[in-house]
Amino acid sequence: MSYCSKTVRICFSIVLLFGLVAPGCKSKPKPSVEKPRSDASLRDYERKLGLDLPESANRSFFEEVAQWMGTPYRYGGSSKQGTDCSGFVQQVYLKVFGLKVDHQSASLYEKSKRIQKDQLREGDLYFFKISGNKVSHVGMHLTGDFFIHASTKKGVVVNRLQEAYYSQHFVGYGTFR
């Protein structure tokens, strides 16, 4: 065997051996610690509410209203065991905004400041005249024309103002902030 072929064989053997042994010898890479996405909780609220929320969303508001989703309707109620529309607003405003507001839709309408659609912020109010000639229903602004409210048939749900039923009974927007 020639010196050259012997050298090639030895080199090949070393390369082969190094290729088999070295991976077990080198230090293991540190596991990558995935930092939680700053918008992870926002994505959870989006799923629960069925919406796309802006990055600038008021997280405490969306966290609170998401926890109320599916709460059954109960006239005069204001708890997660059962609530009416103004009781829902009352509890969210107290917890999220630190504001004490009335537990009656008509009173909320009378005492709130009228605003235009382009002035809406999360939690601002949508007022409706469902029965009679005075305000009898209230919901809170989420994003776009979506609002959350306590429906007599479905409990706390999200709807759009452009839905025929709601647009037909809509009176205006209001705010306490």
N, C-alpha and C. Protein backbone atom coordinates (compact mmCIF):
# COMPACT_ATOMS: atom_id res chain seq x y z
N MET A 1 0.85 -1.16 0.00
CA MET A 1 0.00 0.00 0.00
C MET A 1 0.90 1.22 0.00
N SER A 2 0.58 2.16 -0.81
CA SER A 2 1.41 3.34 -0.94
C SER A 2 1.16 4.29 0.23
N TYR A 3 2.14 5.13 0.47
CA TYR A 3 2.08 6.09 1.56
C TYR A 3 0.88 7.01 1.37
N CYS A 4 0.60 7.38 0.15
CA CYS A 4 -0.50 8.32 -0.16
C CYS A 4 -1.85 7.68 0.14
N SER A 5 -2.07 6.44 -0.28
CA SER A 5 -3.36 5.80 -0.04
C SER A 5 -3.55 5.50 1.44
N LYS A 6 -2.44 5.16 2.16
CA LYS A 6 -2.50 4.92 3.58
C LYS A 6 -2.91 6.20 4.31
N THR A 7 -2.36 7.31 3.89
CA THR A 7 -2.66 8.60 4.50
C THR A 7 -4.12 8.97 4.25
N VAL A 8 -4.60 8.71 3.05
CA VAL A 8 -6.00 9.01 2.71
C VAL A 8 -6.93 8.17 3.59
N ARG A 9 -6.60 6.87 3.75
CA ARG A 9 -7.43 5.99 4.59
C ARG A 9 -7.46 6.46 6.04
N ILE A 10 -6.29 6.84 6.54
CA ILE A 10 -6.22 7.31 7.93
C ILE A 10 -7.02 8.60 8.07
N CYS A 11 -6.84 9.50 7.15
CA CYS A 11 -7.60 10.77 7.19
C CYS A 11 -9.09 10.51 7.11
N PHE A 12 -9.49 9.62 6.21
CA PHE A 12 -10.90 9.27 6.07
C PHE A 12 -11.44 8.68 7.36
N SER A 13 -10.68 7.77 7.96
CA SER A 13 -11.08 7.14 9.22
C SER A 13 -11.22 8.16 10.33
N ILE A 14 -10.29 9.10 10.39
CA ILE A 14 -10.35 10.14 11.43
C ILE A 14 -11.59 11.01 11.22
N VAL A 15 -11.83 11.40 9.98
CA VAL A 15 -13.00 12.22 9.67
C VAL A 15 -14.28 11.47 10.02
N LEU A 16 -14.34 10.20 9.67
CA LEU A 16 -15.51 9.38 9.97
C LEU A 16 -15.70 9.25 11.47
N LEU A 17 -14.62 8.94 12.17
CA LEU A 17 -14.68 8.80 13.62
C LEU A 17 -15.09 10.11 14.27
N PHE A 18 -14.49 11.20 13.83
CA PHE A 18 -14.82 12.51 14.39
C PHE A 18 -16.29 12.84 14.14
N GLY A 19 -16.78 12.49 12.97
CA GLY A 19 -18.18 12.74 12.64
C GLY A 19 -19.14 11.95 13.51
N LEU A 20 -18.72 10.75 13.94
CA LEU A 20 -19.59 9.93 14.78
C LEU A 20 -19.48 10.27 16.25
N VAL A 21 -18.27 10.62 16.71
CA VAL A 21 -18.04 10.87 18.12
C VAL A 21 -18.31 12.31 18.50
N ALA A 22 -17.89 13.22 17.67
CA ALA A 22 -17.94 14.63 18.02
C ALA A 22 -19.33 15.14 18.40
N PRO A 23 -20.40 14.72 17.69
CA PRO A 23 -21.70 15.25 18.08
C PRO A 23 -22.05 14.93 19.53
N GLY A 24 -21.62 13.80 20.04
CA GLY A 24 -21.92 13.46 21.43
C GLY A 24 -21.01 14.16 22.40
N CYS A 25 -19.89 14.72 21.93
CA CYS A 25 -18.93 15.35 22.81
C CYS A 25 -19.14 16.84 22.94
N LYS A 26 -19.66 17.43 21.90
CA LYS A 26 -19.76 18.89 21.99
C LYS A 26 -20.86 19.27 22.97
N SER A 27 -20.71 20.44 23.54
CA SER A 27 -21.69 20.88 24.54
C SER A 27 -23.04 21.09 23.86
N LYS A 28 -24.04 20.73 24.60
CA LYS A 28 -25.39 20.85 24.05
C LYS A 28 -25.79 22.32 24.03
N PRO A 29 -26.49 22.71 22.98
CA PRO A 29 -26.93 24.11 22.96
C PRO A 29 -27.96 24.33 24.06
N LYS A 30 -27.95 25.52 24.59
CA LYS A 30 -28.93 25.85 25.62
C LYS A 30 -30.31 25.86 24.98
N PRO A 31 -31.27 25.29 25.69
CA PRO A 31 -32.61 25.32 25.10
C PRO A 31 -33.05 26.77 24.95
N SER A 32 -33.67 27.04 23.83
CA SER A 32 -34.11 28.42 23.63
C SER A 32 -35.33 28.66 24.51
N VAL A 33 -35.25 29.70 25.26
CA VAL A 33 -36.37 30.08 26.12
C VAL A 33 -37.21 31.04 25.31
N GLU A 34 -38.37 30.55 24.96
CA GLU A 34 -39.24 31.39 24.14
C GLU A 34 -39.88 32.42 25.03
N LYS A 35 -39.64 33.67 24.70
CA LYS A 35 -40.25 34.75 25.47
C LYS A 35 -41.73 34.79 25.11
N PRO A 36 -42.56 34.98 26.13
CA PRO A 36 -43.99 35.06 25.81
C PRO A 36 -44.25 36.28 24.94
N ARG A 37 -45.07 36.09 23.95
CA ARG A 37 -45.41 37.21 23.08
C ARG A 37 -46.18 38.23 23.90
N SER A 38 -45.87 39.47 23.73
CA SER A 38 -46.55 40.50 24.50
C SER A 38 -48.03 40.56 24.15
N ASP A 39 -48.38 40.03 23.01
CA ASP A 39 -49.78 40.08 22.58
C ASP A 39 -50.50 38.75 22.80
N ALA A 40 -49.89 37.82 23.54
CA ALA A 40 -50.49 36.50 23.74
C ALA A 40 -51.86 36.61 24.40
N SER A 41 -51.96 37.41 25.45
CA SER A 41 -53.25 37.53 26.13
C SER A 41 -54.28 38.19 25.23
N LEU A 42 -53.82 39.13 24.42
CA LEU A 42 -54.72 39.80 23.48
C LEU A 42 -55.29 38.78 22.50
N ARG A 43 -54.46 37.85 22.04
CA ARG A 43 -54.93 36.81 21.12
C ARG A 43 -55.95 35.90 21.80
N ASP A 44 -55.78 35.63 23.09
CA ASP A 44 -56.77 34.84 23.83
C ASP A 44 -58.11 35.55 23.86
N TYR A 45 -58.08 36.85 24.10
CA TYR A 45 -59.33 37.63 24.14
C TYR A 45 -59.97 37.66 22.76
N GLU A 46 -59.13 37.75 21.72
CA GLU A 46 -59.67 37.75 20.36
C GLU A 46 -60.43 36.46 20.10
N ARG A 47 -59.85 35.34 20.49
CA ARG A 47 -60.52 34.04 20.27
C ARG A 47 -61.83 33.99 21.06
N LYS A 48 -61.79 34.40 22.29
CA LYS A 48 -62.99 34.31 23.13
C LYS A 48 -64.10 35.25 22.64
N LEU A 49 -63.70 36.42 22.16
CA LEU A 49 -64.68 37.41 21.70
C LEU A 49 -65.00 37.28 20.21
N GLY A 50 -64.18 36.53 19.46
CA GLY A 50 -64.40 36.37 18.03
C GLY A 50 -64.07 37.61 17.23
N LEU A 51 -63.04 38.36 17.65
CA LEU A 51 -62.68 39.63 17.02
C LEU A 51 -61.19 39.72 16.76
N ASP A 52 -60.81 40.64 15.89
CA ASP A 52 -59.41 41.05 15.73
C ASP A 52 -59.27 42.35 16.49
N LEU A 53 -58.39 42.36 17.49
CA LEU A 53 -58.23 43.55 18.32
C LEU A 53 -56.94 44.29 17.96
N PRO A 54 -56.96 45.61 18.06
CA PRO A 54 -55.75 46.37 17.78
C PRO A 54 -54.69 46.14 18.86
N GLU A 55 -53.43 46.26 18.49
CA GLU A 55 -52.33 46.10 19.45
C GLU A 55 -52.45 47.08 20.61
N SER A 56 -53.05 48.23 20.35
CA SER A 56 -53.17 49.27 21.37
C SER A 56 -54.39 49.05 22.28
N ALA A 57 -55.03 47.90 22.17
CA ALA A 57 -56.25 47.63 22.92
C ALA A 57 -56.04 47.72 24.43
N ASN A 58 -57.08 48.14 25.12
CA ASN A 58 -57.08 48.22 26.58
C ASN A 58 -57.23 46.79 27.11
N ARG A 59 -56.10 46.18 27.46
CA ARG A 59 -56.09 44.77 27.85
C ARG A 59 -56.94 44.48 29.08
N SER A 60 -56.95 45.38 30.05
CA SER A 60 -57.74 45.11 31.26
C SER A 60 -59.24 45.09 30.92
N PHE A 61 -59.66 45.94 30.00
CA PHE A 61 -61.06 45.95 29.58
C PHE A 61 -61.40 44.63 28.87
N PHE A 62 -60.57 44.24 27.90
CA PHE A 62 -60.86 43.02 27.15
C PHE A 62 -60.76 41.77 28.02
N GLU A 63 -59.86 41.78 28.97
CA GLU A 63 -59.76 40.64 29.89
C GLU A 63 -61.05 40.51 30.69
N GLU A 64 -61.54 41.63 31.18
CA GLU A 64 -62.75 41.62 32.01
C GLU A 64 -63.98 41.19 31.20
N VAL A 65 -64.22 41.81 30.05
CA VAL A 65 -65.43 41.46 29.29
C VAL A 65 -65.36 40.03 28.77
N ALA A 66 -64.16 39.54 28.44
CA ALA A 66 -64.03 38.16 27.96
C ALA A 66 -64.47 37.18 29.05
N GLN A 67 -64.21 37.52 30.30
CA GLN A 67 -64.61 36.65 31.42
C GLN A 67 -66.13 36.59 31.59
N TRP A 68 -66.84 37.58 31.07
CA TRP A 68 -68.29 37.63 31.19
C TRP A 68 -69.00 36.90 30.03
N MET A 69 -68.26 36.59 28.97
CA MET A 69 -68.89 35.96 27.80
C MET A 69 -69.68 34.72 28.22
N GLY A 70 -70.92 34.64 27.75
CA GLY A 70 -71.75 33.48 28.05
C GLY A 70 -72.51 33.57 29.37
N THR A 71 -72.25 34.62 30.16
CA THR A 71 -73.00 34.78 31.41
C THR A 71 -74.48 34.87 31.06
N PRO A 72 -75.32 34.11 31.74
CA PRO A 72 -76.75 34.14 31.39
C PRO A 72 -77.41 35.46 31.76
N TYR A 73 -78.48 35.77 31.05
CA TYR A 73 -79.25 36.97 31.33
C TYR A 73 -80.12 36.76 32.57
N ARG A 74 -80.14 37.76 33.44
CA ARG A 74 -81.05 37.75 34.59
C ARG A 74 -81.45 39.19 34.86
N TYR A 75 -82.72 39.48 34.72
CA TYR A 75 -83.22 40.83 34.94
C TYR A 75 -82.85 41.29 36.35
N GLY A 76 -82.23 42.47 36.44
CA GLY A 76 -81.82 43.02 37.73
C GLY A 76 -80.49 42.47 38.24
N GLY A 77 -79.93 41.50 37.53
CA GLY A 77 -78.68 40.88 37.96
C GLY A 77 -77.46 41.70 37.61
N SER A 78 -76.38 41.46 38.35
CA SER A 78 -75.12 42.15 38.06
C SER A 78 -73.93 41.30 38.51
N SER A 79 -74.08 39.99 38.32
CA SER A 79 -72.98 39.08 38.67
C SER A 79 -72.78 38.10 37.52
N LYS A 80 -71.70 37.33 37.62
CA LYS A 80 -71.41 36.34 36.57
C LYS A 80 -72.34 35.13 36.67
N GLN A 81 -73.18 35.10 37.68
CA GLN A 81 -74.20 34.05 37.75
C GLN A 81 -75.43 34.44 36.93
N GLY A 82 -75.57 35.74 36.65
CA GLY A 82 -76.67 36.24 35.84
C GLY A 82 -76.68 37.76 35.89
N THR A 83 -76.83 38.38 34.72
CA THR A 83 -76.79 39.85 34.66
C THR A 83 -77.73 40.38 33.60
N ASP A 84 -78.16 41.61 33.79
CA ASP A 84 -78.86 42.30 32.71
C ASP A 84 -77.86 43.27 32.08
N CYS A 85 -78.28 43.99 31.06
CA CYS A 85 -77.34 44.81 30.29
C CYS A 85 -76.69 45.90 31.13
N SER A 86 -77.48 46.62 31.93
CA SER A 86 -76.90 47.72 32.70
C SER A 86 -76.11 47.20 33.90
N GLY A 87 -76.48 46.05 34.45
CA GLY A 87 -75.70 45.45 35.53
C GLY A 87 -74.32 45.04 35.03
N PHE A 88 -74.27 44.53 33.83
CA PHE A 88 -73.00 44.16 33.18
C PHE A 88 -72.12 45.40 33.02
N VAL A 89 -72.69 46.47 32.47
CA VAL A 89 -71.95 47.73 32.29
C VAL A 89 -71.47 48.24 33.65
N GLN A 90 -72.35 48.23 34.62
CA GLN A 90 -72.02 48.72 35.96
C GLN A 90 -70.80 47.99 36.54
N GLN A 91 -70.78 46.68 36.45
CA GLN A 91 -69.68 45.89 37.02
C GLN A 91 -68.37 46.10 36.26
N VAL A 92 -68.43 46.14 34.94
CA VAL A 92 -67.22 46.34 34.14
C VAL A 92 -66.65 47.74 34.39
N TYR A 93 -67.50 48.76 34.43
CA TYR A 93 -67.04 50.13 34.66
C TYR A 93 -66.39 50.26 36.03
N LEU A 94 -66.95 49.61 37.03
CA LEU A 94 -66.37 49.68 38.36
C LEU A 94 -65.00 49.01 38.40
N LYS A 95 -64.92 47.80 37.85
CA LYS A 95 -63.67 47.05 37.91
C LYS A 95 -62.58 47.61 37.01
N VAL A 96 -62.92 47.96 35.79
CA VAL A 96 -61.90 48.39 34.82
C VAL A 96 -61.58 49.88 34.91
N PHE A 97 -62.61 50.71 35.03
CA PHE A 97 -62.41 52.15 34.99
C PHE A 97 -62.51 52.82 36.36
N GLY A 98 -62.93 52.05 37.38
CA GLY A 98 -63.07 52.62 38.71
C GLY A 98 -64.21 53.62 38.81
N LEU A 99 -65.20 53.48 37.93
CA LEU A 99 -66.34 54.41 37.89
C LEU A 99 -67.61 53.73 38.39
N LYS A 100 -68.33 54.41 39.25
CA LYS A 100 -69.63 53.91 39.70
C LYS A 100 -70.69 54.52 38.80
N VAL A 101 -71.41 53.66 38.10
CA VAL A 101 -72.48 54.13 37.22
C VAL A 101 -73.78 53.45 37.62
N ASP A 102 -74.88 54.03 37.18
CA ASP A 102 -76.21 53.51 37.51
C ASP A 102 -76.46 52.15 36.90
N HIS A 103 -77.41 51.45 37.50
CA HIS A 103 -77.84 50.13 37.02
C HIS A 103 -79.19 50.28 36.34
N GLN A 104 -79.24 51.19 35.37
CA GLN A 104 -80.45 51.39 34.58
C GLN A 104 -80.06 52.05 33.26
N SER A 105 -80.45 51.45 32.17
CA SER A 105 -80.07 51.93 30.83
C SER A 105 -80.48 53.37 30.57
N ALA A 106 -81.71 53.72 30.90
CA ALA A 106 -82.21 55.08 30.64
C ALA A 106 -81.40 56.11 31.43
N SER A 107 -81.06 55.79 32.65
CA SER A 107 -80.27 56.69 33.49
C SER A 107 -78.84 56.83 32.95
N LEU A 108 -78.27 55.72 32.49
CA LEU A 108 -76.94 55.77 31.88
C LEU A 108 -76.95 56.69 30.66
N TYR A 109 -78.00 56.60 29.88
CA TYR A 109 -78.13 57.43 28.69
C TYR A 109 -78.22 58.91 29.07
N GLU A 110 -79.07 59.22 30.04
CA GLU A 110 -79.27 60.61 30.47
C GLU A 110 -77.99 61.22 31.03
N LYS A 111 -77.22 60.45 31.79
CA LYS A 111 -76.05 60.98 32.49
C LYS A 111 -74.75 60.92 31.68
N SER A 112 -74.74 60.18 30.59
CA SER A 112 -73.51 60.07 29.79
C SER A 112 -73.39 61.25 28.82
N LYS A 113 -72.17 61.48 28.37
CA LYS A 113 -71.90 62.52 27.39
C LYS A 113 -72.06 61.92 26.00
N ARG A 114 -72.83 62.57 25.12
CA ARG A 114 -73.00 62.09 23.75
C ARG A 114 -71.69 62.23 22.98
N ILE A 115 -71.35 61.21 22.22
CA ILE A 115 -70.16 61.26 21.37
C ILE A 115 -70.51 60.72 19.98
N GLN A 116 -69.60 60.97 19.06
CA GLN A 116 -69.77 60.49 17.69
C GLN A 116 -69.01 59.18 17.51
N LYS A 117 -69.31 58.46 16.45
CA LYS A 117 -68.67 57.17 16.18
C LYS A 117 -67.15 57.28 16.16
N ASP A 118 -66.62 58.33 15.55
CA ASP A 118 -65.15 58.47 15.44
C ASP A 118 -64.48 58.81 16.77
N GLN A 119 -65.25 59.03 17.82
CA GLN A 119 -64.70 59.32 19.14
C GLN A 119 -64.73 58.09 20.06
N LEU A 120 -65.30 56.98 19.58
CA LEU A 120 -65.46 55.79 20.42
C LEU A 120 -64.14 55.22 20.89
N ARG A 121 -64.12 54.83 22.16
CA ARG A 121 -63.01 54.08 22.75
C ARG A 121 -63.61 52.83 23.39
N GLU A 122 -62.74 51.84 23.65
CA GLU A 122 -63.22 50.61 24.28
C GLU A 122 -64.02 50.94 25.54
N GLY A 123 -65.19 50.34 25.64
CA GLY A 123 -66.03 50.53 26.82
C GLY A 123 -67.06 51.62 26.68
N ASP A 124 -66.93 52.51 25.69
CA ASP A 124 -67.97 53.53 25.50
C ASP A 124 -69.28 52.82 25.20
N LEU A 125 -70.37 53.54 25.39
CA LEU A 125 -71.68 52.90 25.41
C LEU A 125 -72.47 53.06 24.11
N TYR A 126 -73.24 52.02 23.80
CA TYR A 126 -74.19 52.01 22.68
C TYR A 126 -75.57 51.95 23.35
N PHE A 127 -76.46 52.85 22.96
CA PHE A 127 -77.79 52.88 23.56
C PHE A 127 -78.85 52.51 22.54
N PHE A 128 -79.88 51.82 23.02
CA PHE A 128 -80.96 51.32 22.17
C PHE A 128 -82.32 51.56 22.81
N LYS A 129 -83.31 51.81 21.97
CA LYS A 129 -84.71 51.84 22.39
C LYS A 129 -85.32 50.57 21.82
N ILE A 130 -85.37 49.54 22.64
CA ILE A 130 -85.89 48.25 22.19
C ILE A 130 -87.41 48.22 22.34
N SER A 131 -87.87 48.69 23.48
CA SER A 131 -89.32 48.70 23.71
C SER A 131 -89.71 50.08 24.23
N GLY A 132 -90.75 50.62 23.69
CA GLY A 132 -91.21 51.94 24.12
C GLY A 132 -90.38 53.06 23.53
N ASN A 133 -90.57 54.26 24.11
CA ASN A 133 -89.88 55.43 23.55
C ASN A 133 -88.73 55.93 24.42
N LYS A 134 -88.29 55.11 25.37
CA LYS A 134 -87.11 55.51 26.14
C LYS A 134 -86.03 54.43 26.01
N VAL A 135 -84.80 54.82 26.29
CA VAL A 135 -83.68 53.88 26.20
C VAL A 135 -83.92 52.72 27.15
N SER A 136 -83.81 51.51 26.61
CA SER A 136 -84.07 50.32 27.42
C SER A 136 -82.97 49.27 27.32
N HIS A 137 -81.90 49.58 26.57
CA HIS A 137 -80.82 48.62 26.42
C HIS A 137 -79.50 49.35 26.21
N VAL A 138 -78.41 48.75 26.73
CA VAL A 138 -77.08 49.35 26.62
C VAL A 138 -76.04 48.26 26.38
N GLY A 139 -75.03 48.61 25.59
CA GLY A 139 -73.90 47.72 25.34
C GLY A 139 -72.63 48.53 25.38
N MET A 140 -71.48 47.86 25.34
CA MET A 140 -70.19 48.55 25.39
C MET A 140 -69.39 48.31 24.11
N HIS A 141 -68.75 49.37 23.65
CA HIS A 141 -67.95 49.33 22.42
C HIS A 141 -66.73 48.44 22.59
N LEU A 142 -66.48 47.61 21.58
CA LEU A 142 -65.28 46.78 21.55
C LEU A 142 -64.30 47.32 20.51
N THR A 143 -64.63 47.17 19.24
CA THR A 143 -63.80 47.65 18.14
C THR A 143 -64.67 47.70 16.89
N GLY A 144 -64.33 48.57 15.94
CA GLY A 144 -65.14 48.68 14.73
C GLY A 144 -66.58 49.00 15.11
N ASP A 145 -67.53 48.20 14.62
CA ASP A 145 -68.92 48.40 15.04
C ASP A 145 -69.39 47.24 15.93
N PHE A 146 -68.45 46.57 16.57
CA PHE A 146 -68.77 45.47 17.49
C PHE A 146 -68.98 46.00 18.90
N PHE A 147 -69.98 45.45 19.54
CA PHE A 147 -70.25 45.81 20.93
C PHE A 147 -70.59 44.54 21.71
N ILE A 148 -70.43 44.61 23.01
CA ILE A 148 -70.74 43.49 23.89
C ILE A 148 -71.87 43.94 24.81
N HIS A 149 -72.79 43.02 25.06
CA HIS A 149 -73.96 43.37 25.87
C HIS A 149 -74.59 42.11 26.43
N ALA A 150 -75.53 42.28 27.32
CA ALA A 150 -76.27 41.15 27.88
C ALA A 150 -77.61 41.06 27.15
N SER A 151 -77.71 40.09 26.28
CA SER A 151 -78.91 39.84 25.50
C SER A 151 -79.89 39.03 26.35
N THR A 152 -81.19 39.36 26.24
CA THR A 152 -82.17 38.62 27.05
C THR A 152 -82.24 37.16 26.66
N LYS A 153 -81.93 36.83 25.40
CA LYS A 153 -82.02 35.43 24.95
C LYS A 153 -80.72 34.65 25.06
N LYS A 154 -79.58 35.33 24.86
CA LYS A 154 -78.30 34.61 24.80
C LYS A 154 -77.32 34.99 25.91
N GLY A 155 -77.69 35.90 26.80
CA GLY A 155 -76.76 36.34 27.83
C GLY A 155 -75.72 37.27 27.24
N VAL A 156 -74.52 37.30 27.83
CA VAL A 156 -73.48 38.22 27.37
C VAL A 156 -72.89 37.71 26.06
N VAL A 157 -73.04 38.53 25.03
CA VAL A 157 -72.61 38.18 23.67
C VAL A 157 -72.04 39.41 22.97
N VAL A 158 -71.40 39.15 21.84
CA VAL A 158 -70.89 40.22 20.97
C VAL A 158 -71.78 40.28 19.73
N ASN A 159 -72.15 41.49 19.36
CA ASN A 159 -72.92 41.71 18.13
C ASN A 159 -72.33 42.90 17.39
N ARG A 160 -72.86 43.11 16.17
CA ARG A 160 -72.45 44.25 15.35
C ARG A 160 -73.60 45.23 15.26
N LEU A 161 -73.26 46.49 15.29
CA LEU A 161 -74.29 47.52 15.18
C LEU A 161 -74.98 47.45 13.82
N GLN A 162 -74.29 47.01 12.79
CA GLN A 162 -74.90 46.97 11.45
C GLN A 162 -75.94 45.86 11.30
N GLU A 163 -76.05 44.96 12.27
CA GLU A 163 -77.11 43.95 12.20
C GLU A 163 -78.45 44.69 12.23
N ALA A 164 -79.36 44.25 11.39
CA ALA A 164 -80.64 44.96 11.20
C ALA A 164 -81.35 45.26 12.51
N TYR A 165 -81.47 44.27 13.39
CA TYR A 165 -82.19 44.46 14.65
C TYR A 165 -81.59 45.60 15.47
N TYR A 166 -80.27 45.60 15.60
CA TYR A 166 -79.63 46.62 16.44
C TYR A 166 -79.59 47.98 15.76
N SER A 167 -79.33 48.04 14.48
CA SER A 167 -79.28 49.35 13.80
C SER A 167 -80.67 50.00 13.81
N GLN A 168 -81.70 49.20 13.76
CA GLN A 168 -83.08 49.69 13.78
C GLN A 168 -83.43 50.35 15.12
N HIS A 169 -82.86 49.84 16.22
CA HIS A 169 -83.20 50.34 17.56
C HIS A 169 -82.14 51.26 18.17
N PHE A 170 -81.07 51.49 17.43
CA PHE A 170 -79.94 52.26 17.95
C PHE A 170 -80.33 53.73 18.14
N VAL A 171 -79.91 54.31 19.29
CA VAL A 171 -80.21 55.71 19.62
C VAL A 171 -78.96 56.57 19.53
N GLY A 172 -77.84 56.08 20.04
CA GLY A 172 -76.61 56.87 20.01
C GLY A 172 -75.53 56.30 20.91
N TYR A 173 -74.38 56.99 20.89
CA TYR A 173 -73.23 56.60 21.70
C TYR A 173 -73.08 57.52 22.89
N GLY A 174 -72.50 57.01 23.95
CA GLY A 174 -72.25 57.86 25.11
C GLY A 174 -70.98 57.43 25.82
N THR A 175 -70.45 58.32 26.65
CA THR A 175 -69.26 58.02 27.42
C THR A 175 -69.32 58.66 28.80
N PHE A 176 -68.58 58.09 29.72
CA PHE A 176 -68.43 58.67 31.06
C PHE A 176 -66.97 59.07 31.27
N ARG A 177 -66.13 58.90 30.24
CA ARG A 177 -64.69 59.18 30.40
C ARG A 177 -64.27 60.34 29.55
